[in-house]
Amino acid sequence: MANPSPAIDQLVHAADALYLGGNPWAARQKYSQALAATPQNPILHYRVGLCAWAEGNGILAQDHFEQAIRLDPNYADAHDALGQLHLESGRLAPAEVHSAKAIELAPHDIDWRCLARLRSRSRSQD
C-alpha cells in the first residue's frame, strides 16, 4: 500500500497479526476498517477476501477478490485466490481462467497450487 496514514497502517498491522494468529474474524474487522478509509485499495480487498474465505464465507471472499481484480487487473495473488476459491466450489472453468492469469502475471512468484490441482482433477475425471 502506498503511503498509508499511520492510523490505517496500524489497523493493517493489527489485522495481519490477528490473521496470522488464527483469528480471521477479528482480522477482517480491522481490514474492513482500513478499507472503509481507502475503498480503492486492492490489497485490502484481497485481505478481507482471505479472511472471509478462512471464515467459510465464500460469497464475501469472491466479492472482495473480484473487487481487488477490478481495481488492479494485474494482481496475481487475487487471481490465484479467486481461482482456488472457484476450484474449491467445483467451478472448474473460472478456476482455470484465474489460475492461468495468475501464472501469466507472475510465473516465478507463487506456488500456483490451484492450476496444478485443477489439472490433476481434470485428468482423474477423464
Protein backbone atom coordinates (compact mmCIF):
# COMPACT_ATOMS: atom_id res chain seq x y z
CA MET A 1 0.00 0.00 0.00
CA ALA A 2 1.41 3.35 -0.98
CA ASN A 3 1.75 5.92 1.79
CA PRO A 4 -0.99 4.74 4.15
CA SER A 5 -1.83 7.05 7.01
CA PRO A 6 -0.38 5.98 10.37
CA ALA A 7 -3.86 5.02 11.61
CA ILE A 8 -4.53 2.82 8.58
CA ASP A 9 -1.06 1.34 8.80
CA GLN A 10 -1.72 0.44 12.45
CA LEU A 11 -5.04 -1.20 11.55
CA VAL A 12 -3.38 -3.25 8.82
CA HIS A 13 -0.53 -4.36 11.07
CA ALA A 14 -3.02 -5.35 13.78
CA ALA A 15 -5.12 -7.22 11.21
CA ASP A 16 -2.05 -9.01 9.85
CA ALA A 17 -1.14 -10.17 13.35
CA LEU A 18 -4.70 -11.35 14.04
CA TYR A 19 -4.88 -13.24 10.74
CA LEU A 20 -1.50 -14.91 11.26
CA GLY A 21 -2.57 -15.70 14.83
CA GLY A 22 -5.55 -17.65 13.55
CA ASN A 23 -8.32 -15.14 14.14
CA PRO A 24 -9.67 -14.30 10.67
CA TRP A 25 -12.90 -12.79 12.01
CA ALA A 26 -11.10 -10.17 14.11
CA ALA A 27 -8.60 -9.59 11.30
CA ARG A 28 -11.43 -8.99 8.84
CA GLN A 29 -12.92 -6.38 11.15
CA LYS A 30 -9.60 -4.46 11.22
CA TYR A 31 -9.01 -4.80 7.47
CA SER A 32 -12.58 -3.62 6.87
CA GLN A 33 -11.98 -0.53 8.99
CA ALA A 34 -8.88 0.25 6.91
CA LEU A 35 -10.82 -0.48 3.73
CA ALA A 36 -13.56 1.97 4.72
CA ALA A 37 -10.91 4.71 4.69
CA THR A 38 -9.32 3.54 1.44
CA PRO A 39 -12.02 1.72 -0.57
CA GLN A 40 -9.98 1.71 -3.79
CA ASN A 41 -7.20 -0.37 -2.23
CA PRO A 42 -6.97 -3.77 -3.97
CA ILE A 43 -4.64 -5.22 -1.34
CA LEU A 44 -7.17 -4.60 1.42
CA HIS A 45 -9.95 -6.13 -0.67
CA TYR A 46 -7.74 -9.17 -1.19
CA ARG A 47 -7.00 -9.45 2.54
CA VAL A 48 -10.66 -9.06 3.50
CA GLY A 49 -11.37 -11.82 0.96
CA LEU A 50 -8.78 -14.10 2.53
CA CYS A 51 -10.31 -13.59 5.96
CA ALA A 52 -13.83 -14.19 4.70
CA TRP A 53 -12.71 -17.36 2.97
CA ALA A 54 -10.99 -18.58 6.14
CA GLU A 55 -14.28 -17.96 7.96
CA GLY A 56 -16.12 -20.10 5.42
CA ASN A 57 -17.84 -17.17 3.69
CA GLY A 58 -17.03 -17.91 0.05
CA ILE A 59 -19.54 -15.39 -1.31
CA LEU A 60 -17.96 -12.49 0.57
CA ALA A 61 -14.48 -13.75 -0.32
CA GLN A 62 -15.37 -13.92 -4.00
CA ASP A 63 -16.81 -10.40 -3.90
CA HIS A 64 -13.60 -8.99 -2.44
CA PHE A 65 -11.27 -10.97 -4.71
CA GLU A 66 -13.24 -9.76 -7.72
CA GLN A 67 -13.14 -6.17 -6.45
CA ALA A 68 -9.36 -6.44 -5.97
CA ILE A 69 -9.07 -7.61 -9.59
CA ARG A 70 -11.34 -4.81 -10.84
CA LEU A 71 -9.11 -2.29 -9.08
CA ASP A 72 -5.89 -3.97 -10.24
CA PRO A 73 -6.36 -6.41 -13.13
CA ASN A 74 -2.71 -7.45 -12.78
CA TYR A 75 -2.99 -8.55 -9.14
CA ALA A 76 -1.70 -12.12 -9.43
CA ASP A 77 -2.43 -13.09 -5.82
CA ALA A 78 -6.08 -12.08 -6.20
CA HIS A 79 -6.40 -14.10 -9.42
CA ASP A 80 -4.80 -17.10 -7.71
CA ALA A 81 -7.09 -16.85 -4.67
CA LEU A 82 -10.18 -16.46 -6.86
CA GLY A 83 -9.07 -19.45 -8.92
CA GLN A 84 -8.61 -21.55 -5.79
CA LEU A 85 -12.00 -20.46 -4.46
CA HIS A 86 -13.66 -21.43 -7.74
CA LEU A 87 -11.85 -24.78 -7.71
CA GLU A 88 -12.93 -25.44 -4.13
CA SER A 89 -16.52 -24.72 -5.20
CA GLY A 90 -16.30 -27.04 -8.22
CA ARG A 91 -16.35 -24.24 -10.81
CA LEU A 92 -13.53 -25.55 -12.98
CA ALA A 93 -13.73 -23.19 -15.96
CA PRO A 94 -13.34 -19.94 -13.99
CA ALA A 95 -10.77 -21.64 -11.76
CA GLU A 96 -8.62 -22.34 -14.78
CA VAL A 97 -9.07 -18.82 -16.18
CA HIS A 98 -7.94 -17.12 -12.97
CA SER A 99 -5.16 -19.59 -12.27
CA ALA A 100 -3.78 -19.20 -15.78
CA LYS A 101 -3.93 -15.40 -15.39
CA ALA A 102 -2.03 -15.61 -12.10
CA ILE A 103 0.68 -17.68 -13.74
CA GLU A 104 0.84 -15.30 -16.70
CA LEU A 105 1.24 -12.31 -14.38
CA ALA A 106 3.80 -13.83 -12.02
CA PRO A 107 5.21 -17.08 -13.39
CA HIS A 108 8.08 -17.27 -10.89
CA ASP A 109 6.38 -15.72 -7.90
CA ILE A 110 4.00 -18.09 -6.15
CA ASP A 111 3.39 -21.79 -5.72
CA TRP A 112 0.46 -21.96 -8.10
CA ARG A 113 -1.38 -24.75 -6.34
CA CYS A 114 -4.73 -24.11 -7.95
CA LEU A 115 -3.77 -24.87 -11.53
CA ALA A 116 -1.87 -27.99 -10.51
CA ARG A 117 -4.89 -29.28 -8.53
CA LEU A 118 -7.23 -28.34 -11.37
CA ARG A 119 -5.17 -30.23 -13.94
CA SER A 120 -4.89 -33.20 -11.60
CA ARG A 121 -8.66 -33.23 -11.09
CA SER A 122 -9.28 -32.94 -14.84
CA ARG A 123 -7.03 -35.93 -15.55
CA SER A 124 -8.74 -38.05 -12.90
CA GLN A 125 -12.15 -37.32 -14.46
CA ASP A 126 -11.04 -38.44 -17.93
